Amino acid sequence: MAESGAWLDRARQLVDYHREALDFINRVSGQFPVNDSHAGHLSRLWVEADGLDQMVCSLLEDVNIHLIDGSGQVETTRGAAVRPSLLADEALLFECAWSLTWGDGKAVSLALAIDAATGIFEAQASGGSSGTTQAVRVPISESALKDAFTEAYVAEATF
């Protein structure tokens, strides 16, 4: 029965994020071609990121503790960018990113983005100094993320 209420919880979260999304859009309006109609997609991104946060941070902490002896730092960021997307050479994307950084520019990260115009999600895992990138299917599964982080870490460790 608890599962049947999940969609209602999601609806509440989307409404709760709406005002914050409008504030964010207002703050970046001088830098990016945004408008209030993008608030729904931005809210969807933040709700999706909230659902992933514990898993992503936990996996990055595992890499930090077990593979780089705790020398790294995990950070999360939110932002916007105009860049190529799955459907266009240039698109406005809202992004949430998680990264583990260590050493001289080494990093393992996940960027989850939503196209502001279409609402299509995309996700990419990458390595900082190696430049390795790998698309990750959305919705993101733990096993797919582990595989992507493994590839990024190996590329960083052997670059």
Protein backbone atom coordinates (compact mmCIF):
# COMPACT_ATOMS: atom_id res chain seq x y z
CA MET A 1 0.00 0.00 0.00
CA ALA A 2 2.91 2.38 0.66
CA GLU A 3 3.91 2.20 -3.02
CA SER A 4 0.49 3.43 -4.09
CA GLY A 5 1.15 6.76 -2.33
CA ALA A 6 4.56 7.30 -3.94
CA TRP A 7 3.08 9.17 -6.87
CA LEU A 8 1.29 11.49 -4.46
CA ASP A 9 4.53 12.15 -2.59
CA ARG A 10 6.19 12.94 -5.92
CA ALA A 11 3.40 15.38 -6.77
CA ARG A 12 3.91 17.12 -3.41
CA GLN A 13 7.67 17.33 -4.01
CA LEU A 14 7.14 18.87 -7.45
CA VAL A 15 4.85 21.52 -5.99
CA ASP A 16 7.28 22.16 -3.11
CA TYR A 17 10.15 22.75 -5.57
CA HIS A 18 8.16 25.01 -7.91
CA ARG A 19 8.88 28.30 -6.06
CA GLU A 20 12.57 27.40 -5.67
CA ALA A 21 12.74 26.58 -9.39
CA LEU A 22 11.25 29.96 -10.29
CA ASP A 23 13.80 31.67 -8.01
CA PHE A 24 16.64 29.73 -9.67
CA ILE A 25 15.35 30.66 -13.14
CA ASN A 26 15.21 34.30 -12.11
CA ARG A 27 18.82 34.18 -10.82
CA VAL A 28 20.23 32.67 -14.04
CA SER A 29 18.04 34.63 -16.47
CA GLY A 30 20.86 37.06 -17.25
CA GLN A 31 23.16 34.21 -18.32
CA PHE A 32 20.81 31.73 -20.00
CA PRO A 33 17.71 31.79 -22.21
CA VAL A 34 15.33 30.68 -19.46
CA ASN A 35 11.70 31.45 -18.73
CA ASP A 36 9.12 30.53 -16.13
CA SER A 37 7.78 27.68 -18.28
CA HIS A 38 11.01 25.77 -17.51
CA ALA A 39 10.15 25.51 -13.80
CA GLY A 40 8.30 22.22 -14.21
CA HIS A 41 11.24 20.47 -15.87
CA LEU A 42 13.67 21.92 -13.34
CA SER A 43 11.48 20.68 -10.48
CA ARG A 44 11.40 17.21 -12.06
CA LEU A 45 15.21 17.21 -12.20
CA TRP A 46 15.50 18.13 -8.54
CA VAL A 47 13.00 15.47 -7.46
CA GLU A 48 14.89 12.86 -9.51
CA ALA A 49 18.20 14.03 -8.01
CA ASP A 50 16.77 13.81 -4.49
CA GLY A 51 15.88 10.18 -5.18
CA LEU A 52 19.41 9.42 -6.37
CA ASP A 53 21.38 11.42 -3.84
CA GLN A 54 21.85 8.76 -1.16
CA MET A 55 22.84 6.04 -3.65
CA VAL A 56 25.26 8.23 -5.63
CA CYS A 57 26.93 9.70 -2.54
CA SER A 58 27.23 6.26 -0.98
CA LEU A 59 28.92 4.82 -4.07
CA LEU A 60 31.30 7.76 -4.32
CA GLU A 61 32.15 7.38 -0.63
CA ASP A 62 32.85 3.68 -1.25
CA VAL A 63 35.32 4.68 -3.99
CA ASN A 64 36.84 7.25 -1.64
CA ILE A 65 37.26 4.87 1.28
CA HIS A 66 38.20 1.65 -0.49
CA LEU A 67 40.09 2.82 -3.58
CA ILE A 68 41.74 6.15 -2.76
CA ASP A 69 42.23 5.78 1.01
CA GLY A 70 39.83 8.57 1.97
CA SER A 71 41.86 11.27 0.22
CA GLY A 72 38.97 12.57 -1.88
CA GLN A 73 36.10 14.94 -1.37
CA VAL A 74 32.50 14.45 -2.49
CA GLU A 75 30.59 17.49 -3.72
CA THR A 76 27.19 18.08 -5.26
CA THR A 77 26.20 20.97 -7.51
CA ARG A 78 23.18 22.33 -9.34
CA GLY A 79 23.38 24.51 -12.40
CA ALA A 80 22.47 25.30 -15.96
CA ALA A 81 24.40 25.16 -19.21
CA VAL A 82 23.94 25.62 -22.92
CA ARG A 83 25.63 22.70 -24.65
CA PRO A 84 24.96 19.82 -27.04
CA SER A 85 22.23 17.44 -25.90
CA LEU A 86 20.84 14.14 -27.12
CA LEU A 87 18.56 15.95 -29.57
CA ALA A 88 20.25 19.23 -30.45
CA ASP A 89 23.64 20.76 -31.16
CA GLU A 90 22.85 23.46 -28.62
CA ALA A 91 20.28 23.15 -25.86
CA LEU A 92 19.60 24.65 -22.47
CA LEU A 93 20.09 21.96 -19.83
CA PHE A 94 19.54 22.07 -16.11
CA GLU A 95 22.03 19.85 -14.27
CA CYS A 96 22.69 18.17 -10.95
CA ALA A 97 26.14 16.70 -10.48
CA TRP A 98 27.92 14.60 -7.89
CA SER A 99 31.70 14.33 -7.94
CA LEU A 100 34.52 12.76 -6.01
CA THR A 101 37.78 14.66 -6.55
CA TRP A 102 41.30 13.82 -5.43
CA GLY A 103 44.92 14.35 -6.39
CA ASP A 104 45.80 16.50 -9.37
CA GLY A 105 42.45 16.90 -11.10
CA LYS A 106 41.37 13.30 -10.75
CA ALA A 107 37.63 12.83 -10.38
CA VAL A 108 34.75 10.42 -10.77
CA SER A 109 31.43 12.13 -11.37
CA LEU A 110 27.83 11.76 -12.43
CA ALA A 111 25.91 14.54 -14.16
CA LEU A 112 22.15 14.24 -14.43
CA ALA A 113 20.57 16.78 -16.77
CA ILE A 114 17.17 17.62 -18.15
CA ASP A 115 16.58 19.46 -21.42
CA ALA A 116 14.71 22.64 -20.47
CA ALA A 117 12.62 22.57 -23.66
CA THR A 118 11.77 18.88 -24.01
CA GLY A 119 12.01 17.52 -20.45
CA ILE A 120 14.19 14.64 -21.63
CA PHE A 121 16.69 13.39 -19.06
CA GLU A 122 20.26 12.42 -19.80
CA ALA A 123 23.01 11.21 -17.49
CA GLN A 124 26.73 10.83 -17.93
CA ALA A 125 29.49 9.46 -15.73
CA SER A 126 32.97 10.81 -16.32
CA GLY A 127 36.56 10.93 -15.20
CA GLY A 128 38.23 14.28 -14.53
CA SER A 129 41.79 14.03 -15.84
CA SER A 130 41.26 11.10 -18.21
CA GLY A 131 38.33 12.73 -19.96
CA THR A 132 36.49 9.42 -20.10
CA THR A 133 32.71 9.67 -20.42
CA GLN A 134 29.93 7.12 -20.44
CA ALA A 135 26.22 7.63 -20.92
CA VAL A 136 24.08 6.17 -18.14
CA ARG A 137 20.51 5.15 -18.85
CA VAL A 138 17.77 7.04 -17.01
CA PRO A 139 16.19 5.94 -14.73
CA ILE A 140 19.57 5.19 -13.20
CA SER A 141 20.04 1.79 -11.62
CA GLU A 142 22.62 1.04 -8.96
CA SER A 143 24.28 -1.66 -11.06
CA ALA A 144 24.60 0.64 -14.10
CA LEU A 145 26.05 3.38 -11.92
CA LYS A 146 28.55 0.99 -10.33
CA ASP A 147 29.69 -0.08 -13.81
CA ALA A 148 30.04 3.54 -14.95
CA PHE A 149 31.92 4.58 -11.82
CA THR A 150 34.21 1.56 -12.18
CA GLU A 151 35.11 2.57 -15.73
CA ALA A 152 35.68 6.19 -14.71
CA TYR A 153 37.83 5.22 -11.72
CA VAL A 154 39.97 2.80 -13.74
CA ALA A 155 40.50 5.45 -16.39
CA GLU A 156 41.55 7.95 -13.72
CA ALA A 157 43.82 5.48 -11.92
CA THR A 158 45.59 4.44 -15.12
CA PHE A 159 45.74 7.78 -16.95
